[in-house]
Amino acid sequence: MAILFGSMPRPVGLGLAVMLGASLSLAVATTQATADTAVKAESAATVAAQRVKVYELLTKDGGYFYTASESEKNNAVTKYGWTVTQTPLYYLSPAPFDGGKPLYRLRYSKKTSYIVTGSVTERDKLVSSGNFRYEGVLGYAPGSTEAGGDVKVYRLSNNGRWRLAVEAHKNSILIKEPAWELNGPILFQFRQPN
């Protein structure tokens, strides 16, 4: 028995086999795509779980320095005599992850002071001004609460000095030290180390 498709006869068994083969291929492709998505999601979750503490240090020039490296922090203390502050900061990821955004660290050329930005445009503008040297990525911060961010971080400025602060600390600085100006939110941080 044959079913006609247009003017060409095709055996029913062959058409059924072709349909079943296409369905099986689609099922295998769907299963593979689901597995790939699950692996990517697990990989992103693993990267986000590898969180590092962010430290704020006060330089000899009265500037602020930020690092998410324990060895860099220790070197700054022992080699340069900088002091670790009690500013409440939390955690970043050392590697990119889904929904994460890089935070860039730049050094001010006029004194030992550093600025952190999450904006490529601002980073490039500061470097092209000749007043800043790009030092690299501080870490990767959640770009939103959906990406795992649960602590919003703000940047403040005061005469060639820049600070990062979580909301409660930002409010305290603005009230107790009115010379500081709010630049706005940078991104988020993770409250927990894992």
C-alpha atoms as a PDB file:
ATOM      1  CA  MET A   1       0.000   0.000   0.000  1.00  0.00           C
ATOM      2  CA  ALA A   2       1.283   3.482  -0.807  1.00  0.00           C
ATOM      3  CA  ILE A   3       0.157   6.978   0.143  1.00  0.00           C
ATOM      4  CA  LEU A   4       0.515   9.645  -2.506  1.00  0.00           C
ATOM      5  CA  PHE A   5       2.396  12.866  -1.689  1.00  0.00           C
ATOM      6  CA  GLY A   6       1.975  15.054  -4.708  1.00  0.00           C
ATOM      7  CA  SER A   7       2.463  12.735  -7.688  1.00  0.00           C
ATOM      8  CA  MET A   8       5.135  10.485  -6.113  1.00  0.00           C
ATOM      9  CA  PRO A   9       4.041   7.320  -4.315  1.00  0.00           C
ATOM     10  CA  ARG A  10       5.841   6.535  -1.002  1.00  0.00           C
ATOM     11  CA  PRO A  11       5.503   3.354   1.005  1.00  0.00           C
ATOM     12  CA  VAL A  12       3.759   3.895   4.371  1.00  0.00           C
ATOM     13  CA  GLY A  13       6.527   2.006   6.232  1.00  0.00           C
ATOM     14  CA  LEU A  14       9.243   4.323   4.883  1.00  0.00           C
ATOM     15  CA  GLY A  15       7.257   7.463   5.767  1.00  0.00           C
ATOM     16  CA  LEU A  16       6.658   6.149   9.283  1.00  0.00           C
ATOM     17  CA  ALA A  17      10.334   5.268   9.701  1.00  0.00           C
ATOM     18  CA  VAL A  18      11.343   8.747   8.508  1.00  0.00           C
ATOM     19  CA  MET A  19       8.867  10.344  10.916  1.00  0.00           C
ATOM     20  CA  LEU A  20      10.034   8.160  13.837  1.00  0.00           C
ATOM     21  CA  GLY A  21      13.689   8.849  12.990  1.00  0.00           C
ATOM     22  CA  ALA A  22      13.058  12.607  12.939  1.00  0.00           C
ATOM     23  CA  SER A  23      11.207  12.385  16.256  1.00  0.00           C
ATOM     24  CA  LEU A  24      14.030  10.350  17.805  1.00  0.00           C
ATOM     25  CA  SER A  25      16.637  12.847  16.512  1.00  0.00           C
ATOM     26  CA  LEU A  26      14.587  15.738  17.891  1.00  0.00           C
ATOM     27  CA  ALA A  27      14.262  13.994  21.259  1.00  0.00           C
ATOM     28  CA  VAL A  28      18.025  13.329  21.386  1.00  0.00           C
ATOM     29  CA  ALA A  29      18.782  16.949  20.400  1.00  0.00           C
ATOM     30  CA  THR A  30      16.327  18.264  23.024  1.00  0.00           C
ATOM     31  CA  THR A  31      17.822  15.999  25.696  1.00  0.00           C
ATOM     32  CA  GLN A  32      21.354  17.150  24.753  1.00  0.00           C
ATOM     33  CA  ALA A  33      20.332  20.824  24.787  1.00  0.00           C
ATOM     34  CA  THR A  34      18.725  20.356  28.222  1.00  0.00           C
ATOM     35  CA  ALA A  35      21.864  18.613  29.495  1.00  0.00           C
ATOM     36  CA  ASP A  36      24.088  21.388  28.076  1.00  0.00           C
ATOM     37  CA  THR A  37      21.918  24.051  29.733  1.00  0.00           C
ATOM     38  CA  ALA A  38      22.055  22.175  33.042  1.00  0.00           C
ATOM     39  CA  VAL A  39      25.860  21.888  32.832  1.00  0.00           C
ATOM     40  CA  LYS A  40      26.175  25.619  32.044  1.00  0.00           C
ATOM     41  CA  ALA A  41      23.832  26.537  34.912  1.00  0.00           C
ATOM     42  CA  GLU A  42      25.748  24.240  37.281  1.00  0.00           C
ATOM     43  CA  SER A  43      29.061  25.713  36.073  1.00  0.00           C
ATOM     44  CA  ALA A  44      27.791  29.270  36.609  1.00  0.00           C
ATOM     45  CA  ALA A  45      26.512  28.322  40.069  1.00  0.00           C
ATOM     46  CA  THR A  46      29.880  26.740  40.900  1.00  0.00           C
ATOM     47  CA  VAL A  47      31.759  29.863  39.802  1.00  0.00           C
ATOM     48  CA  ALA A  48      29.401  32.110  41.766  1.00  0.00           C
ATOM     49  CA  ALA A  49      29.917  29.839  44.783  1.00  0.00           C
ATOM     50  CA  GLN A  50      33.673  30.510  44.671  1.00  0.00           C
ATOM     51  CA  ARG A  51      33.423  33.857  46.411  1.00  0.00           C
ATOM     52  CA  VAL A  52      36.228  35.960  47.817  1.00  0.00           C
ATOM     53  CA  LYS A  53      36.127  38.643  50.503  1.00  0.00           C
ATOM     54  CA  VAL A  54      36.544  42.269  49.443  1.00  0.00           C
ATOM     55  CA  TYR A  55      38.890  44.345  51.620  1.00  0.00           C
ATOM     56  CA  GLU A  56      39.175  48.110  51.961  1.00  0.00           C
ATOM     57  CA  LEU A  57      42.550  49.534  52.983  1.00  0.00           C
ATOM     58  CA  LEU A  58      43.530  53.094  53.820  1.00  0.00           C
ATOM     59  CA  THR A  59      46.711  54.225  52.034  1.00  0.00           C
ATOM     60  CA  LYS A  60      49.379  56.537  53.502  1.00  0.00           C
ATOM     61  CA  ASP A  61      47.974  59.332  51.273  1.00  0.00           C
ATOM     62  CA  GLY A  62      44.501  58.923  52.794  1.00  0.00           C
ATOM     63  CA  GLY A  63      43.183  57.193  49.677  1.00  0.00           C
ATOM     64  CA  TYR A  64      41.275  53.941  49.625  1.00  0.00           C
ATOM     65  CA  PHE A  65      42.429  50.705  48.044  1.00  0.00           C
ATOM     66  CA  TYR A  66      40.240  47.675  47.295  1.00  0.00           C
ATOM     67  CA  THR A  67      41.281  44.096  46.779  1.00  0.00           C
ATOM     68  CA  ALA A  68      39.713  40.667  46.794  1.00  0.00           C
ATOM     69  CA  SER A  69      43.125  38.997  47.153  1.00  0.00           C
ATOM     70  CA  GLU A  70      44.296  37.932  50.593  1.00  0.00           C
ATOM     71  CA  SER A  71      47.963  38.012  49.479  1.00  0.00           C
ATOM     72  CA  GLU A  72      47.594  41.471  47.901  1.00  0.00           C
ATOM     73  CA  LYS A  73      45.986  42.733  51.109  1.00  0.00           C
ATOM     74  CA  ASN A  74      48.785  41.273  53.250  1.00  0.00           C
ATOM     75  CA  ASN A  75      51.460  42.707  50.933  1.00  0.00           C
ATOM     76  CA  ALA A  76      49.862  46.187  51.106  1.00  0.00           C
ATOM     77  CA  VAL A  77      49.931  46.028  54.901  1.00  0.00           C
ATOM     78  CA  THR A  78      53.484  44.689  55.320  1.00  0.00           C
ATOM     79  CA  LYS A  79      55.219  46.405  52.396  1.00  0.00           C
ATOM     80  CA  TYR A  80      53.411  49.769  52.278  1.00  0.00           C
ATOM     81  CA  GLY A  81      52.030  50.115  55.807  1.00  0.00           C
ATOM     82  CA  TRP A  82      48.441  50.511  54.655  1.00  0.00           C
ATOM     83  CA  THR A  83      45.728  49.661  57.176  1.00  0.00           C
ATOM     84  CA  VAL A  84      42.689  47.458  56.738  1.00  0.00           C
ATOM     85  CA  THR A  85      39.506  49.395  57.583  1.00  0.00           C
ATOM     86  CA  GLN A  86      36.431  48.100  59.366  1.00  0.00           C
ATOM     87  CA  THR A  87      34.192  49.127  56.447  1.00  0.00           C
ATOM     88  CA  PRO A  88      31.566  46.407  55.967  1.00  0.00           C
ATOM     89  CA  LEU A  89      32.090  44.859  52.535  1.00  0.00           C
ATOM     90  CA  TYR A  90      31.171  41.387  51.398  1.00  0.00           C
ATOM     91  CA  TYR A  91      32.030  38.949  48.603  1.00  0.00           C
ATOM     92  CA  LEU A  92      32.668  38.857  44.853  1.00  0.00           C
ATOM     93  CA  SER A  93      33.357  36.032  42.439  1.00  0.00           C
ATOM     94  CA  PRO A  94      36.943  35.779  41.177  1.00  0.00           C
ATOM     95  CA  ALA A  95      35.693  34.513  37.787  1.00  0.00           C
ATOM     96  CA  PRO A  96      32.923  35.481  35.350  1.00  0.00           C
ATOM     97  CA  PHE A  97      29.473  33.938  35.850  1.00  0.00           C
ATOM     98  CA  ASP A  98      26.009  34.306  34.324  1.00  0.00           C
ATOM     99  CA  GLY A  99      24.582  37.660  35.411  1.00  0.00           C
ATOM    100  CA  GLY A 100      27.935  38.797  36.803  1.00  0.00           C
ATOM    101  CA  LYS A 101      29.605  42.056  35.818  1.00  0.00           C
ATOM    102  CA  PRO A 102      33.295  42.952  36.160  1.00  0.00           C
ATOM    103  CA  LEU A 103      34.384  45.649  38.594  1.00  0.00           C
ATOM    104  CA  TYR A 104      37.428  47.549  37.328  1.00  0.00           C
ATOM    105  CA  ARG A 105      40.101  49.016  39.609  1.00  0.00           C
ATOM    106  CA  LEU A 106      42.080  52.103  38.569  1.00  0.00           C
ATOM    107  CA  ARG A 107      44.854  53.978  40.342  1.00  0.00           C
ATOM    108  CA  TYR A 108      44.787  57.758  40.525  1.00  0.00           C
ATOM    109  CA  SER A 109      48.104  59.222  39.346  1.00  0.00           C
ATOM    110  CA  LYS A 110      48.185  62.278  41.640  1.00  0.00           C
ATOM    111  CA  LYS A 111      48.248  60.308  44.910  1.00  0.00           C
ATOM    112  CA  THR A 112      47.858  56.768  46.171  1.00  0.00           C
ATOM    113  CA  SER A 113      44.103  56.543  45.716  1.00  0.00           C
ATOM    114  CA  TYR A 114      41.976  54.078  43.782  1.00  0.00           C
ATOM    115  CA  ILE A 115      38.594  54.131  42.086  1.00  0.00           C
ATOM    116  CA  VAL A 116      36.343  51.166  41.321  1.00  0.00           C
ATOM    117  CA  THR A 117      33.826  51.232  38.494  1.00  0.00           C
ATOM    118  CA  GLY A 118      31.508  48.765  36.842  1.00  0.00           C
ATOM    119  CA  SER A 119      31.359  50.835  33.648  1.00  0.00           C
ATOM    120  CA  VAL A 120      33.636  50.176  30.668  1.00  0.00           C
ATOM    121  CA  THR A 121      32.828  53.674  29.377  1.00  0.00           C
ATOM    122  CA  GLU A 122      33.857  55.315  32.653  1.00  0.00           C
ATOM    123  CA  ARG A 123      36.980  53.142  32.903  1.00  0.00           C
ATOM    124  CA  ASP A 124      38.100  54.095  29.395  1.00  0.00           C
ATOM    125  CA  LYS A 125      37.288  57.790  29.932  1.00  0.00           C
ATOM    126  CA  LEU A 126      39.327  57.866  33.167  1.00  0.00           C
ATOM    127  CA  VAL A 127      42.300  56.122  31.543  1.00  0.00           C
ATOM    128  CA  SER A 128      42.216  58.409  28.478  1.00  0.00           C
ATOM    129  CA  SER A 129      42.247  61.458  30.798  1.00  0.00           C
ATOM    130  CA  GLY A 130      45.819  60.516  31.737  1.00  0.00           C
ATOM    131  CA  ASN A 131      44.962  60.771  35.438  1.00  0.00           C
ATOM    132  CA  PHE A 132      44.302  57.062  35.987  1.00  0.00           C
ATOM    133  CA  ARG A 133      46.046  53.776  35.296  1.00  0.00           C
ATOM    134  CA  TYR A 134      43.910  50.701  34.751  1.00  0.00           C
ATOM    135  CA  GLU A 135      44.932  47.890  37.126  1.00  0.00           C
ATOM    136  CA  GLY A 136      42.513  45.144  36.109  1.00  0.00           C
ATOM    137  CA  VAL A 137      39.355  43.443  37.319  1.00  0.00           C
ATOM    138  CA  LEU A 138      38.757  43.519  41.078  1.00  0.00           C
ATOM    139  CA  GLY A 139      36.222  40.697  40.752  1.00  0.00           C
ATOM    140  CA  TYR A 140      32.818  39.890  39.306  1.00  0.00           C
ATOM    141  CA  ALA A 141      29.731  41.236  41.028  1.00  0.00           C
ATOM    142  CA  PRO A 142      26.118  40.208  40.588  1.00  0.00           C
ATOM    143  CA  GLY A 143      24.533  42.674  38.193  1.00  0.00           C
ATOM    144  CA  SER A 144      21.140  42.256  39.843  1.00  0.00           C
ATOM    145  CA  THR A 145      19.311  40.506  42.658  1.00  0.00           C
ATOM    146  CA  GLU A 146      18.330  37.830  40.120  1.00  0.00           C
ATOM    147  CA  ALA A 147      22.054  37.095  39.596  1.00  0.00           C
ATOM    148  CA  GLY A 148      22.486  36.513  43.335  1.00  0.00           C
ATOM    149  CA  GLY A 149      23.191  40.041  44.518  1.00  0.00           C
ATOM    150  CA  ASP A 150      21.799  40.764  47.941  1.00  0.00           C
ATOM    151  CA  VAL A 151      23.905  43.760  49.037  1.00  0.00           C
ATOM    152  CA  LYS A 152      23.881  46.937  46.936  1.00  0.00           C
ATOM    153  CA  VAL A 153      27.235  48.742  46.857  1.00  0.00           C
ATOM    154  CA  TYR A 154      27.652  52.482  46.292  1.00  0.00           C
ATOM    155  CA  ARG A 155      30.605  54.674  45.419  1.00  0.00           C
ATOM    156  CA  LEU A 156      31.343  57.993  47.089  1.00  0.00           C
ATOM    157  CA  SER A 157      33.980  60.624  46.238  1.00  0.00           C
ATOM    158  CA  ASN A 158      35.801  63.392  48.085  1.00  0.00           C
ATOM    159  CA  ASN A 159      38.631  65.445  46.559  1.00  0.00           C
ATOM    160  CA  GLY A 160      40.569  62.724  44.727  1.00  0.00           C
ATOM    161  CA  ARG A 161      39.456  59.896  47.018  1.00  0.00           C
ATOM    162  CA  TRP A 162      36.826  57.250  46.318  1.00  0.00           C
ATOM    163  CA  ARG A 163      35.115  54.818  48.644  1.00  0.00           C
ATOM    164  CA  LEU A 164      32.808  51.847  48.316  1.00  0.00           C
ATOM    165  CA  ALA A 165      30.067  51.381  50.868  1.00  0.00           C
ATOM    166  CA  VAL A 166      26.986  49.252  51.442  1.00  0.00           C
ATOM    167  CA  GLU A 167      23.767  51.207  51.949  1.00  0.00           C
ATOM    168  CA  ALA A 168      23.777  51.577  55.757  1.00  0.00           C
ATOM    169  CA  HIS A 169      27.455  52.573  55.801  1.00  0.00           C
ATOM    170  CA  LYS A 170      26.948  54.941  52.857  1.00  0.00           C
ATOM    171  CA  ASN A 171      24.222  56.754  54.805  1.00  0.00           C
ATOM    172  CA  SER A 172      26.465  56.971  57.875  1.00  0.00           C
ATOM    173  CA  ILE A 173      29.352  58.447  55.843  1.00  0.00           C
ATOM    174  CA  LEU A 174      27.094  61.040  54.200  1.00  0.00           C
ATOM    175  CA  ILE A 175      25.690  62.129  57.591  1.00  0.00           C
ATOM    176  CA  LYS A 176      28.924  62.087  59.639  1.00  0.00           C
ATOM    177  CA  GLU A 177      31.315  63.251  56.906  1.00  0.00           C
ATOM    178  CA  PRO A 178      29.411  65.739  54.704  1.00  0.00           C
ATOM    179  CA  ALA A 179      32.413  66.364  52.402  1.00  0.00           C
ATOM    180  CA  TRP A 180      31.749  62.978  50.760  1.00  0.00           C
ATOM    181  CA  GLU A 181      29.528  63.012  47.671  1.00  0.00           C
ATOM    182  CA  LEU A 182      27.412  60.078  46.504  1.00  0.00           C
ATOM    183  CA  ASN A 183      28.384  58.951  42.970  1.00  0.00           C
ATOM    184  CA  GLY A 184      25.664  56.291  42.885  1.00  0.00           C
ATOM    185  CA  PRO A 185      25.307  52.518  42.999  1.00  0.00           C
ATOM    186  CA  ILE A 186      28.058  50.378  41.450  1.00  0.00           C
ATOM    187  CA  LEU A 187      26.566  46.860  41.485  1.00  0.00           C
ATOM    188  CA  PHE A 188      25.880  44.246  44.144  1.00  0.00           C
ATOM    189  CA  GLN A 189      27.876  41.912  46.360  1.00  0.00           C
ATOM    190  CA  PHE A 190      27.131  38.503  47.830  1.00  0.00           C
ATOM    191  CA  ARG A 191      26.411  38.606  51.563  1.00  0.00           C
ATOM    192  CA  GLN A 192      27.569  35.027  52.147  1.00  0.00           C
ATOM    193  CA  PRO A 193      30.938  33.457  51.220  1.00  0.00           C
ATOM    194  CA  ASN A 194      29.213  30.489  49.514  1.00  0.00           C
END
